[in-house]
Amino acid sequence: MNKRELEERLINFAVLIINIVEFMPDTKAANHLSGQLLRSGTSPALNYGEAQSGESRKDFIHKIKIVLKELRESHICMQIIYRTKLYKSEEKLSQALNECNELISIFVKSVETAMKNDNENRQNNLKSKIVNPCS
């Protein structure tokens, strides 16, 4: 999956979250959870966009970790909504939970890969300084 396809999935996930939240009941608990889900469920797409413009490898990794954190938060929030039956469409909530799980898996692997690549780059830079101390 390329960057554009992943970005599109995150945007579609955010739209799905918005659709779920718009149809939640007007109760104190639902309002609280819908606000929380709206923030955490739309954040991954926005943070992924920021990660693409990361100032450094370290900044990129940090922003990707934020995407992962927000996805995990969204997943737990949706589980609470599901268990308390604060939804109108079980089908949409199940779809969102499944997509969230898939996105979490993708970003766990992305973080691992980015950190591995960063460590390898650091080791290679260190080796080149040892071999060529004048550079």
N, C-alpha and C. Protein backbone atom coordinates (compact mmCIF):
# COMPACT_ATOMS: atom_id res chain seq x y z
N MET A 1 0.85 -1.18 0.00
CA MET A 1 0.00 0.00 0.00
C MET A 1 0.90 1.24 0.00
N ASN A 2 0.61 2.18 -0.89
CA ASN A 2 1.44 3.39 -0.95
C ASN A 2 0.87 4.48 -0.03
N LYS A 3 1.63 5.57 0.07
CA LYS A 3 1.25 6.67 0.98
C LYS A 3 -0.12 7.24 0.66
N ARG A 4 -0.41 7.39 -0.62
CA ARG A 4 -1.68 7.98 -1.04
C ARG A 4 -2.86 7.08 -0.66
N GLU A 5 -2.70 5.77 -0.85
CA GLU A 5 -3.76 4.83 -0.50
C GLU A 5 -3.99 4.80 1.01
N LEU A 6 -2.92 4.86 1.76
CA LEU A 6 -3.05 4.87 3.22
C LEU A 6 -3.72 6.16 3.68
N GLU A 7 -3.32 7.27 3.09
CA GLU A 7 -3.96 8.55 3.42
C GLU A 7 -5.46 8.49 3.11
N GLU A 8 -5.81 7.91 2.00
CA GLU A 8 -7.22 7.78 1.61
C GLU A 8 -7.99 6.92 2.62
N ARG A 9 -7.38 5.85 3.08
CA ARG A 9 -8.03 5.01 4.09
C ARG A 9 -8.25 5.78 5.38
N LEU A 10 -7.27 6.57 5.78
CA LEU A 10 -7.41 7.36 7.01
C LEU A 10 -8.50 8.41 6.87
N ILE A 11 -8.59 9.02 5.70
CA ILE A 11 -9.65 10.01 5.46
C ILE A 11 -11.02 9.32 5.48
N ASN A 12 -11.12 8.18 4.83
CA ASN A 12 -12.39 7.44 4.84
C ASN A 12 -12.77 7.00 6.25
N PHE A 13 -11.78 6.63 7.04
CA PHE A 13 -12.03 6.26 8.43
C PHE A 13 -12.58 7.47 9.20
N ALA A 14 -11.98 8.63 8.99
CA ALA A 14 -12.46 9.85 9.66
C ALA A 14 -13.90 10.16 9.26
N VAL A 15 -14.23 10.00 7.99
CA VAL A 15 -15.59 10.24 7.52
C VAL A 15 -16.56 9.25 8.16
N LEU A 16 -16.16 8.01 8.27
CA LEU A 16 -16.98 6.99 8.91
C LEU A 16 -17.22 7.34 10.38
N ILE A 17 -16.20 7.79 11.06
CA ILE A 17 -16.33 8.21 12.46
C ILE A 17 -17.32 9.37 12.58
N ILE A 18 -17.19 10.35 11.69
CA ILE A 18 -18.11 11.50 11.71
C ILE A 18 -19.55 11.02 11.52
N ASN A 19 -19.75 10.09 10.59
CA ASN A 19 -21.11 9.56 10.35
C ASN A 19 -21.65 8.83 11.57
N ILE A 20 -20.81 8.10 12.26
CA ILE A 20 -21.24 7.39 13.48
C ILE A 20 -21.63 8.39 14.55
N VAL A 21 -20.79 9.38 14.76
CA VAL A 21 -21.00 10.38 15.82
C VAL A 21 -22.26 11.21 15.56
N GLU A 22 -22.51 11.53 14.31
CA GLU A 22 -23.68 12.37 13.97
C GLU A 22 -25.00 11.70 14.33
N PHE A 23 -24.99 10.38 14.41
CA PHE A 23 -26.24 9.67 14.68
C PHE A 23 -26.30 9.01 16.05
N MET A 24 -25.41 9.44 16.94
CA MET A 24 -25.47 8.92 18.30
C MET A 24 -26.58 9.65 19.05
N PRO A 25 -27.16 9.02 20.06
CA PRO A 25 -28.25 9.66 20.81
C PRO A 25 -27.78 10.90 21.57
N ASP A 26 -28.72 11.73 21.93
CA ASP A 26 -28.41 12.97 22.65
C ASP A 26 -28.56 12.73 24.16
N THR A 27 -27.56 12.02 24.72
CA THR A 27 -27.52 11.78 26.16
C THR A 27 -26.18 12.28 26.68
N LYS A 28 -26.07 12.40 27.98
CA LYS A 28 -24.82 12.88 28.57
C LYS A 28 -23.65 11.96 28.21
N ALA A 29 -23.83 10.67 28.36
CA ALA A 29 -22.76 9.71 28.06
C ALA A 29 -22.42 9.70 26.58
N ALA A 30 -23.46 9.69 25.74
CA ALA A 30 -23.23 9.66 24.29
C ALA A 30 -22.53 10.94 23.83
N ASN A 31 -22.91 12.07 24.38
CA ASN A 31 -22.26 13.33 24.00
C ASN A 31 -20.79 13.33 24.39
N HIS A 32 -20.50 12.82 25.57
CA HIS A 32 -19.11 12.75 26.02
C HIS A 32 -18.29 11.84 25.11
N LEU A 33 -18.79 10.64 24.90
CA LEU A 33 -18.06 9.67 24.08
C LEU A 33 -17.99 10.08 22.62
N SER A 34 -19.05 10.68 22.11
CA SER A 34 -19.02 11.11 20.71
C SER A 34 -17.99 12.22 20.50
N GLY A 35 -17.88 13.13 21.46
CA GLY A 35 -16.86 14.18 21.36
C GLY A 35 -15.46 13.60 21.39
N GLN A 36 -15.25 12.64 22.27
CA GLN A 36 -13.95 11.98 22.38
C GLN A 36 -13.62 11.22 21.09
N LEU A 37 -14.60 10.47 20.58
CA LEU A 37 -14.39 9.70 19.36
C LEU A 37 -14.18 10.61 18.15
N LEU A 38 -14.89 11.71 18.12
CA LEU A 38 -14.72 12.65 17.01
C LEU A 38 -13.29 13.18 16.96
N ARG A 39 -12.74 13.50 18.12
CA ARG A 39 -11.36 14.01 18.17
C ARG A 39 -10.35 12.92 17.81
N SER A 40 -10.46 11.77 18.49
CA SER A 40 -9.45 10.72 18.27
C SER A 40 -9.63 10.04 16.91
N GLY A 41 -10.83 9.99 16.40
CA GLY A 41 -11.08 9.30 15.14
C GLY A 41 -10.74 10.10 13.89
N THR A 42 -10.72 11.42 14.01
CA THR A 42 -10.34 12.25 12.86
C THR A 42 -8.86 12.64 12.92
N SER A 43 -8.28 12.55 14.08
CA SER A 43 -6.88 12.92 14.28
C SER A 43 -5.87 12.11 13.45
N PRO A 44 -6.05 10.79 13.28
CA PRO A 44 -5.04 10.03 12.53
C PRO A 44 -4.80 10.55 11.11
N ALA A 45 -5.84 10.90 10.41
CA ALA A 45 -5.68 11.42 9.04
C ALA A 45 -4.89 12.72 9.05
N LEU A 46 -5.20 13.58 9.99
CA LEU A 46 -4.52 14.88 10.08
C LEU A 46 -3.06 14.72 10.48
N ASN A 47 -2.81 13.87 11.45
CA ASN A 47 -1.43 13.64 11.89
C ASN A 47 -0.60 12.90 10.84
N TYR A 48 -1.23 12.05 10.07
CA TYR A 48 -0.52 11.37 8.99
C TYR A 48 -0.07 12.39 7.94
N GLY A 49 -0.95 13.35 7.66
CA GLY A 49 -0.57 14.43 6.74
C GLY A 49 0.63 15.20 7.26
N GLU A 50 0.65 15.48 8.55
CA GLU A 50 1.79 16.16 9.17
C GLU A 50 3.05 15.31 9.09
N ALA A 51 2.91 14.01 9.31
CA ALA A 51 4.07 13.11 9.28
C ALA A 51 4.75 13.13 7.92
N GLN A 52 3.96 13.27 6.88
CA GLN A 52 4.53 13.29 5.52
C GLN A 52 5.43 14.50 5.30
N SER A 53 5.27 15.53 6.12
CA SER A 53 6.11 16.73 6.04
C SER A 53 7.05 16.82 7.23
N GLY A 54 7.34 15.68 7.83
CA GLY A 54 8.21 15.66 9.01
C GLY A 54 9.54 16.36 8.73
N GLU A 55 10.02 17.07 9.73
CA GLU A 55 11.26 17.83 9.60
C GLU A 55 12.49 16.93 9.65
N SER A 56 12.31 15.74 10.20
CA SER A 56 13.42 14.80 10.32
C SER A 56 12.83 13.40 10.44
N ARG A 57 13.69 12.41 10.40
CA ARG A 57 13.26 11.03 10.58
C ARG A 57 12.63 10.86 11.97
N LYS A 58 13.25 11.49 12.96
CA LYS A 58 12.75 11.41 14.33
C LYS A 58 11.35 12.05 14.42
N ASP A 59 11.15 13.18 13.76
CA ASP A 59 9.86 13.87 13.76
C ASP A 59 8.80 13.00 13.06
N PHE A 60 9.18 12.37 11.96
CA PHE A 60 8.27 11.48 11.24
C PHE A 60 7.83 10.33 12.16
N ILE A 61 8.77 9.70 12.83
CA ILE A 61 8.46 8.58 13.72
C ILE A 61 7.54 9.05 14.84
N HIS A 62 7.83 10.21 15.41
CA HIS A 62 6.99 10.74 16.49
C HIS A 62 5.55 10.94 16.02
N LYS A 63 5.37 11.50 14.83
CA LYS A 63 4.02 11.76 14.34
C LYS A 63 3.28 10.47 13.98
N ILE A 64 4.01 9.50 13.46
CA ILE A 64 3.39 8.20 13.17
C ILE A 64 2.96 7.51 14.47
N LYS A 65 3.75 7.68 15.53
CA LYS A 65 3.36 7.13 16.83
C LYS A 65 2.10 7.81 17.36
N ILE A 66 1.93 9.09 17.07
CA ILE A 66 0.71 9.80 17.47
C ILE A 66 -0.49 9.24 16.71
N VAL A 67 -0.32 8.96 15.42
CA VAL A 67 -1.38 8.34 14.63
C VAL A 67 -1.81 7.03 15.29
N LEU A 68 -0.85 6.22 15.65
CA LEU A 68 -1.12 4.93 16.29
C LEU A 68 -1.83 5.11 17.63
N LYS A 69 -1.37 6.06 18.42
CA LYS A 69 -1.98 6.33 19.73
C LYS A 69 -3.45 6.73 19.57
N GLU A 70 -3.73 7.59 18.60
CA GLU A 70 -5.10 8.05 18.38
C GLU A 70 -5.99 6.92 17.85
N LEU A 71 -5.43 6.05 17.03
CA LEU A 71 -6.20 4.90 16.55
C LEU A 71 -6.57 3.97 17.70
N ARG A 72 -5.61 3.73 18.60
CA ARG A 72 -5.89 2.87 19.75
C ARG A 72 -6.94 3.49 20.66
N GLU A 73 -6.85 4.79 20.85
CA GLU A 73 -7.85 5.49 21.67
C GLU A 73 -9.23 5.38 21.02
N SER A 74 -9.29 5.55 19.71
CA SER A 74 -10.56 5.44 18.99
C SER A 74 -11.15 4.04 19.15
N HIS A 75 -10.31 3.04 19.06
CA HIS A 75 -10.77 1.66 19.17
C HIS A 75 -11.40 1.40 20.53
N ILE A 76 -10.75 1.85 21.58
CA ILE A 76 -11.30 1.65 22.93
C ILE A 76 -12.60 2.43 23.11
N CYS A 77 -12.64 3.64 22.59
CA CYS A 77 -13.85 4.45 22.68
C CYS A 77 -15.01 3.76 21.96
N MET A 78 -14.74 3.21 20.78
CA MET A 78 -15.80 2.51 20.04
C MET A 78 -16.24 1.25 20.77
N GLN A 79 -15.33 0.58 21.45
CA GLN A 79 -15.72 -0.60 22.23
C GLN A 79 -16.68 -0.20 23.35
N ILE A 80 -16.41 0.93 23.99
CA ILE A 80 -17.30 1.41 25.05
C ILE A 80 -18.67 1.76 24.46
N ILE A 81 -18.67 2.44 23.32
CA ILE A 81 -19.93 2.80 22.65
C ILE A 81 -20.70 1.54 22.29
N TYR A 82 -19.99 0.54 21.79
CA TYR A 82 -20.63 -0.72 21.40
C TYR A 82 -21.24 -1.43 22.62
N ARG A 83 -20.47 -1.53 23.68
CA ARG A 83 -20.95 -2.26 24.86
C ARG A 83 -22.10 -1.57 25.56
N THR A 84 -22.16 -0.24 25.44
CA THR A 84 -23.26 0.51 26.07
C THR A 84 -24.41 0.76 25.09
N LYS A 85 -24.26 0.26 23.87
CA LYS A 85 -25.29 0.38 22.83
C LYS A 85 -25.66 1.83 22.53
N LEU A 86 -24.66 2.70 22.53
CA LEU A 86 -24.90 4.12 22.24
C LEU A 86 -24.71 4.43 20.75
N TYR A 87 -25.20 3.58 19.89
CA TYR A 87 -25.04 3.75 18.45
C TYR A 87 -26.38 3.52 17.77
N LYS A 88 -26.49 4.06 16.57
CA LYS A 88 -27.71 3.83 15.77
C LYS A 88 -27.49 2.69 14.79
N SER A 89 -26.26 2.59 14.25
CA SER A 89 -25.98 1.57 13.24
C SER A 89 -24.87 0.65 13.72
N GLU A 90 -25.25 -0.55 14.09
CA GLU A 90 -24.25 -1.53 14.52
C GLU A 90 -23.33 -1.87 13.34
N GLU A 91 -23.87 -1.87 12.13
CA GLU A 91 -23.07 -2.19 10.94
C GLU A 91 -21.94 -1.17 10.75
N LYS A 92 -22.25 0.12 10.88
CA LYS A 92 -21.21 1.14 10.71
C LYS A 92 -20.18 1.08 11.84
N LEU A 93 -20.64 0.83 13.05
CA LEU A 93 -19.71 0.74 14.17
C LEU A 93 -18.80 -0.48 14.01
N SER A 94 -19.34 -1.60 13.58
CA SER A 94 -18.53 -2.80 13.33
C SER A 94 -17.53 -2.55 12.21
N GLN A 95 -17.98 -1.88 11.17
CA GLN A 95 -17.08 -1.53 10.05
C GLN A 95 -15.94 -0.65 10.54
N ALA A 96 -16.25 0.33 11.38
CA ALA A 96 -15.23 1.23 11.92
C ALA A 96 -14.26 0.48 12.83
N LEU A 97 -14.78 -0.41 13.66
CA LEU A 97 -13.91 -1.20 14.53
C LEU A 97 -12.95 -2.07 13.72
N ASN A 98 -13.46 -2.70 12.67
CA ASN A 98 -12.61 -3.54 11.82
C ASN A 98 -11.54 -2.71 11.11
N GLU A 99 -11.94 -1.58 10.55
CA GLU A 99 -10.98 -0.73 9.86
C GLU A 99 -9.94 -0.19 10.84
N CYS A 100 -10.37 0.16 12.02
CA CYS A 100 -9.45 0.65 13.04
C CYS A 100 -8.42 -0.42 13.39
N ASN A 101 -8.86 -1.66 13.54
CA ASN A 101 -7.95 -2.76 13.82
C ASN A 101 -6.92 -2.91 12.70
N GLU A 102 -7.37 -2.84 11.47
CA GLU A 102 -6.45 -2.97 10.33
C GLU A 102 -5.45 -1.81 10.30
N LEU A 103 -5.94 -0.60 10.54
CA LEU A 103 -5.05 0.56 10.55
C LEU A 103 -4.03 0.48 11.68
N ILE A 104 -4.47 0.01 12.84
CA ILE A 104 -3.53 -0.18 13.96
C ILE A 104 -2.42 -1.14 13.55
N SER A 105 -2.79 -2.24 12.92
CA SER A 105 -1.78 -3.21 12.47
C SER A 105 -0.80 -2.59 11.49
N ILE A 106 -1.31 -1.81 10.56
CA ILE A 106 -0.46 -1.15 9.57
C ILE A 106 0.51 -0.20 10.25
N PHE A 107 0.01 0.58 11.20
CA PHE A 107 0.88 1.58 11.84
C PHE A 107 1.83 0.98 12.86
N VAL A 108 1.47 -0.13 13.47
CA VAL A 108 2.44 -0.82 14.34
C VAL A 108 3.64 -1.22 13.48
N LYS A 109 3.37 -1.80 12.33
CA LYS A 109 4.44 -2.22 11.42
C LYS A 109 5.21 -1.01 10.89
N SER A 110 4.52 0.07 10.59
CA SER A 110 5.17 1.29 10.09
C SER A 110 6.14 1.87 11.12
N VAL A 111 5.71 1.90 12.37
CA VAL A 111 6.58 2.41 13.44
C VAL A 111 7.80 1.50 13.58
N GLU A 112 7.58 0.19 13.59
CA GLU A 112 8.70 -0.74 13.71
C GLU A 112 9.68 -0.57 12.57
N THR A 113 9.19 -0.47 11.35
CA THR A 113 10.05 -0.30 10.18
C THR A 113 10.81 1.01 10.22
N ALA A 114 10.11 2.09 10.54
CA ALA A 114 10.75 3.41 10.60
C ALA A 114 11.84 3.44 11.67
N MET A 115 11.57 2.84 12.82
CA MET A 115 12.57 2.83 13.89
C MET A 115 13.76 1.95 13.51
N LYS A 116 13.50 0.83 12.86
CA LYS A 116 14.58 -0.05 12.41
C LYS A 116 15.46 0.68 11.40
N ASN A 117 14.83 1.34 10.44
CA ASN A 117 15.58 2.09 9.43
C ASN A 117 16.39 3.22 10.05
N ASP A 118 15.80 3.89 11.03
CA ASP A 118 16.49 4.99 11.71
C ASP A 118 17.72 4.46 12.46
N ASN A 119 17.57 3.33 13.14
CA ASN A 119 18.69 2.73 13.87
C ASN A 119 19.80 2.30 12.91
N GLU A 120 19.41 1.71 11.77
CA GLU A 120 20.40 1.29 10.78
C GLU A 120 21.15 2.50 10.21
N ASN A 121 20.43 3.58 9.95
CA ASN A 121 21.07 4.80 9.44
C ASN A 121 22.06 5.37 10.46
N ARG A 122 21.68 5.35 11.72
CA ARG A 122 22.59 5.85 12.76
C ARG A 122 23.85 4.99 12.85
N GLN A 123 23.66 3.66 12.79
CA GLN A 123 24.81 2.76 12.85
C GLN A 123 25.72 2.96 11.65
N ASN A 124 25.15 3.11 10.46
CA ASN A 124 25.95 3.34 9.25
C ASN A 124 26.70 4.66 9.33
N ASN A 125 26.07 5.69 9.86
CA ASN A 125 26.73 6.99 10.03
C ASN A 125 27.88 6.89 11.02
N LEU A 126 27.67 6.14 12.09
CA LEU A 126 28.71 5.94 13.10
C LEU A 126 29.88 5.18 12.50
N LYS A 127 29.58 4.13 11.74
CA LYS A 127 30.64 3.34 11.11
C LYS A 127 31.45 4.19 10.13
N SER A 128 30.76 5.03 9.36
CA SER A 128 31.49 5.85 8.38
C SER A 128 32.37 6.88 9.08
N LYS A 129 31.99 7.34 10.24
CA LYS A 129 32.82 8.28 10.99
C LYS A 129 34.04 7.58 11.59
N ILE A 130 33.86 6.32 11.98
CA ILE A 130 34.98 5.55 12.52
C ILE A 130 35.97 5.23 11.41
N VAL A 131 35.45 4.81 10.24
CA VAL A 131 36.31 4.47 9.11
C VAL A 131 36.98 5.71 8.53
N ASN A 132 36.21 6.82 8.46
CA ASN A 132 36.71 8.04 7.86
C ASN A 132 36.53 9.17 8.88
N PRO A 133 37.38 9.27 9.88
CA PRO A 133 37.19 10.23 10.98
C PRO A 133 37.27 11.69 10.54
N CYS A 134 37.71 11.96 9.34
CA CYS A 134 37.82 13.35 8.86
C CYS A 134 36.51 13.87 8.30
N SER A 135 35.50 13.01 8.13
CA SER A 135 34.25 13.49 7.53
C SER A 135 33.29 14.01 8.55
